[in-house]
Amino acid sequence: MAKEKKLVLPDKRTMNLYYKPDRTTRPATIALYVLFALSLLLAAAKFGVYDLLMKLDDAQAELARTQAAEQQYAMQLTDYDEVLHQYHLYSATEDELNTTDRMEILDMLDRLVRSRADVETYSIAGPTVTFQMSGITLGESAEIIRDLRESPLVAAASVNTAATDENAGDNLVPEDPNMPVTATVTITLAKEAGIE
């Protein structure tokens, strides 16, 4: 017969006495937790308080700079009322703005009339310019009137009287077209007439 095998059961001959101590109660571990909590509080304080305080400080510095600049401008405006008074004294009124500049009228007369004829008298009253010219013929006076009508300053121009020196008092038109005449011209200004 065959030998029977003996059944071997496992057995434990040593005792497992490994014990893991709880280190969470030690002072070093508590200090680490406290340090971690403090670092979280510092991060929250930096982003939640310190950064906001720095922005507030920058805004207050900018406000101070702006107020200093405003005070400088206010110092420059201390005599504003006097400057405004002077401005109103020397600036154009509404009536003057709606009136043709008298120097422009005189320049036009110099350019279009005085270069060809002798201007003896002239007057400017409201929208009307009246002048008397001499030393020209009727044809030349017609050319002058045509040139005056083409000026942007003029709404209308006409000859009221044209007479020779011999019959100036009679307001007669001379028979000889080459005879020098004295002519009285009336111009209506475009700006005053409402034509621009």
Protein backbone atom coordinates (compact mmCIF):
# COMPACT_ATOMS: atom_id res chain seq x y z
CA MET A 1 0.00 0.00 0.00
CA ALA A 2 1.09 3.31 -0.59
CA LYS A 3 2.09 5.55 2.07
CA GLU A 4 -0.44 8.09 3.00
CA LYS A 5 0.66 11.63 3.02
CA LYS A 6 0.36 13.52 6.13
CA LEU A 7 -1.77 16.58 5.98
CA VAL A 8 0.17 19.71 6.98
CA LEU A 9 -1.78 22.63 8.30
CA PRO A 10 -0.31 26.13 8.32
CA ASP A 11 0.69 27.39 11.63
CA LYS A 12 1.77 30.73 12.99
CA ARG A 13 4.73 30.72 15.19
CA THR A 14 5.23 34.53 15.59
CA MET A 15 2.97 37.27 16.69
CA ASN A 16 2.48 40.45 14.54
CA LEU A 17 2.85 43.27 16.99
CA TYR A 18 3.30 46.13 14.41
CA TYR A 19 1.51 49.22 15.71
CA LYS A 20 1.31 52.49 13.73
CA PRO A 21 1.20 55.36 16.17
CA ASP A 22 -1.18 58.31 15.49
CA ARG A 23 1.08 61.23 14.70
CA THR A 24 -1.69 63.75 13.99
CA THR A 25 -1.68 64.83 17.58
CA ARG A 26 1.99 65.63 17.76
CA PRO A 27 2.98 69.31 18.05
CA ALA A 28 4.86 69.27 14.71
CA THR A 29 1.78 68.09 12.81
CA ILE A 30 -0.38 70.67 14.52
CA ALA A 31 2.17 73.32 13.60
CA LEU A 32 1.99 72.22 9.93
CA TYR A 33 -1.79 72.51 9.95
CA VAL A 34 -1.54 75.94 11.56
CA LEU A 35 1.05 77.05 8.98
CA PHE A 36 -1.16 75.80 6.15
CA ALA A 37 -4.17 77.66 7.54
CA LEU A 38 -2.06 80.81 7.99
CA SER A 39 -0.80 80.61 4.40
CA LEU A 40 -4.41 80.32 3.18
CA LEU A 41 -5.36 83.31 5.32
CA LEU A 42 -2.39 85.32 4.01
CA ALA A 43 -3.27 84.50 0.39
CA ALA A 44 -6.88 85.53 1.02
CA ALA A 45 -5.71 88.71 2.78
CA LYS A 46 -3.35 89.58 -0.08
CA PHE A 47 -5.95 89.17 -2.83
CA GLY A 48 -8.97 90.26 -0.80
CA VAL A 49 -7.52 93.11 1.24
CA TYR A 50 -3.95 94.15 0.37
CA ASP A 51 -4.48 94.35 -3.42
CA LEU A 52 -7.68 96.34 -2.89
CA LEU A 53 -5.87 98.69 -0.52
CA MET A 54 -3.10 99.20 -3.09
CA LYS A 55 -5.67 99.99 -5.79
CA LEU A 56 -7.37 102.41 -3.41
CA ASP A 57 -3.99 104.01 -2.66
CA ASP A 58 -3.24 104.39 -6.39
CA ALA A 59 -6.69 105.87 -6.99
CA GLN A 60 -6.20 108.36 -4.16
CA ALA A 61 -2.79 109.37 -5.57
CA GLU A 62 -4.36 109.88 -9.01
CA LEU A 63 -7.14 111.94 -7.40
CA ALA A 64 -4.55 114.10 -5.66
CA ARG A 65 -2.71 114.68 -8.96
CA THR A 66 -5.96 115.56 -10.71
CA GLN A 67 -6.97 117.95 -7.94
CA ALA A 68 -3.55 119.63 -8.09
CA ALA A 69 -3.92 120.07 -11.87
CA GLU A 70 -7.45 121.41 -11.35
CA GLN A 71 -6.15 123.94 -8.84
CA GLN A 72 -3.50 125.08 -11.32
CA TYR A 73 -6.16 125.56 -13.99
CA ALA A 74 -8.39 127.37 -11.50
CA MET A 75 -5.48 129.71 -10.68
CA GLN A 76 -5.13 130.46 -14.38
CA LEU A 77 -8.84 131.28 -14.57
CA THR A 78 -8.88 133.76 -11.71
CA ASP A 79 -9.23 136.67 -14.12
CA TYR A 80 -11.72 134.86 -16.38
CA ASP A 81 -14.44 137.49 -15.89
CA GLU A 82 -12.09 140.25 -17.05
CA VAL A 83 -10.98 138.19 -20.06
CA LEU A 84 -14.61 137.44 -20.93
CA HIS A 85 -15.45 141.14 -20.65
CA GLN A 86 -12.54 142.01 -22.98
CA TYR A 87 -13.63 139.27 -25.39
CA HIS A 88 -17.15 140.67 -25.56
CA LEU A 89 -15.77 144.16 -26.09
CA TYR A 90 -13.64 143.19 -29.06
CA SER A 91 -15.50 140.24 -30.58
CA ALA A 92 -18.05 140.67 -33.31
CA THR A 93 -21.68 141.06 -32.34
CA GLU A 94 -24.41 139.15 -34.14
CA ASP A 95 -25.17 142.21 -36.26
CA GLU A 96 -21.50 142.53 -37.17
CA LEU A 97 -21.33 138.86 -38.10
CA ASN A 98 -24.25 139.39 -40.48
CA THR A 99 -22.54 142.40 -42.07
CA THR A 100 -19.95 142.30 -44.84
CA ASP A 101 -16.51 143.25 -43.61
CA ARG A 102 -15.89 146.87 -44.60
CA MET A 103 -12.25 146.13 -45.41
CA GLU A 104 -13.38 143.51 -47.94
CA ILE A 105 -15.62 146.12 -49.57
CA LEU A 106 -12.77 148.63 -49.76
CA ASP A 107 -10.44 145.95 -51.17
CA MET A 108 -13.05 145.14 -53.82
CA LEU A 109 -13.37 148.82 -54.75
CA ASP A 110 -9.57 149.14 -54.94
CA ARG A 111 -9.26 146.05 -57.11
CA LEU A 112 -12.20 146.57 -59.46
CA VAL A 113 -12.72 150.35 -59.57
CA ARG A 114 -9.70 152.35 -58.40
CA SER A 115 -7.36 150.49 -60.74
CA ARG A 116 -9.37 151.93 -63.71
CA ALA A 117 -11.12 155.07 -62.46
CA ASP A 118 -10.83 157.83 -59.90
CA VAL A 119 -13.14 157.26 -56.93
CA GLU A 120 -14.13 160.70 -55.71
CA THR A 121 -16.54 159.80 -52.90
CA TYR A 122 -18.03 156.69 -51.40
CA SER A 123 -20.37 155.83 -48.57
CA ILE A 124 -21.49 152.59 -46.98
CA ALA A 125 -24.87 152.56 -45.28
CA GLY A 126 -26.35 149.22 -44.28
CA PRO A 127 -26.64 147.00 -47.36
CA THR A 128 -25.87 149.81 -49.81
CA VAL A 129 -22.53 151.11 -51.07
CA THR A 130 -22.65 154.31 -53.13
CA PHE A 131 -19.61 155.82 -54.82
CA GLN A 132 -18.85 158.32 -57.50
CA MET A 133 -16.16 157.61 -60.09
CA SER A 134 -14.71 159.76 -62.84
CA GLY A 135 -12.07 159.69 -65.57
CA ILE A 136 -13.69 156.84 -67.52
CA THR A 137 -15.88 156.44 -70.55
CA LEU A 138 -19.37 154.96 -70.60
CA GLY A 139 -17.98 151.68 -71.98
CA GLU A 140 -15.43 151.46 -69.19
CA SER A 141 -18.10 152.18 -66.58
CA ALA A 142 -20.20 149.33 -68.05
CA GLU A 143 -17.21 146.97 -67.72
CA ILE A 144 -16.70 148.04 -64.11
CA ILE A 145 -20.38 147.43 -63.34
CA ARG A 146 -20.17 143.98 -64.97
CA ASP A 147 -17.08 143.11 -62.88
CA LEU A 148 -18.78 144.37 -59.72
CA ARG A 149 -21.83 142.18 -60.39
CA GLU A 150 -19.56 139.12 -60.70
CA SER A 151 -18.06 139.74 -57.24
CA PRO A 152 -19.35 137.38 -54.51
CA LEU A 153 -19.81 140.39 -52.22
CA VAL A 154 -22.29 142.08 -54.57
CA ALA A 155 -25.97 141.21 -55.02
CA ALA A 156 -26.69 144.03 -57.47
CA ALA A 157 -24.83 146.99 -59.01
CA SER A 158 -26.19 149.83 -61.14
CA VAL A 159 -25.23 153.26 -62.44
CA ASN A 160 -27.59 155.93 -61.15
CA THR A 161 -26.20 158.86 -63.09
CA ALA A 162 -23.51 159.30 -65.71
CA ALA A 163 -22.64 162.78 -66.98
CA THR A 164 -19.74 164.65 -68.44
CA ASP A 165 -18.01 167.33 -66.47
CA GLU A 166 -19.72 169.93 -68.61
CA ASN A 167 -23.24 168.70 -67.88
CA ALA A 168 -22.71 167.01 -64.51
CA GLY A 169 -25.53 169.00 -62.99
CA ASP A 170 -27.96 168.05 -65.74
CA ASN A 171 -27.48 164.24 -65.36
CA LEU A 172 -27.37 163.91 -69.13
CA VAL A 173 -25.76 161.02 -70.93
CA PRO A 174 -22.97 162.27 -73.22
CA GLU A 175 -23.35 161.85 -76.95
CA ASP A 176 -19.69 160.89 -77.52
CA PRO A 177 -19.05 157.41 -76.01
CA ASN A 178 -15.33 158.18 -75.63
CA MET A 179 -15.91 161.34 -73.61
CA PRO A 180 -14.93 161.03 -69.90
CA VAL A 181 -17.88 160.83 -67.55
CA THR A 182 -18.60 161.04 -63.85
CA ALA A 183 -20.81 158.17 -62.74
CA THR A 184 -22.62 157.48 -59.49
CA VAL A 185 -22.83 153.76 -58.75
CA THR A 186 -25.02 151.97 -56.20
CA ILE A 187 -24.12 148.48 -54.99
CA THR A 188 -26.35 146.22 -52.90
CA LEU A 189 -24.25 143.88 -50.75
CA ALA A 190 -25.03 140.17 -50.98
CA LYS A 191 -24.64 139.28 -47.28
CA GLU A 192 -26.93 142.05 -46.10
CA ALA A 193 -29.47 141.22 -48.82
CA GLY A 194 -29.55 137.62 -47.63
CA ILE A 195 -27.79 136.27 -50.73
CA GLU A 196 -24.65 134.27 -50.05
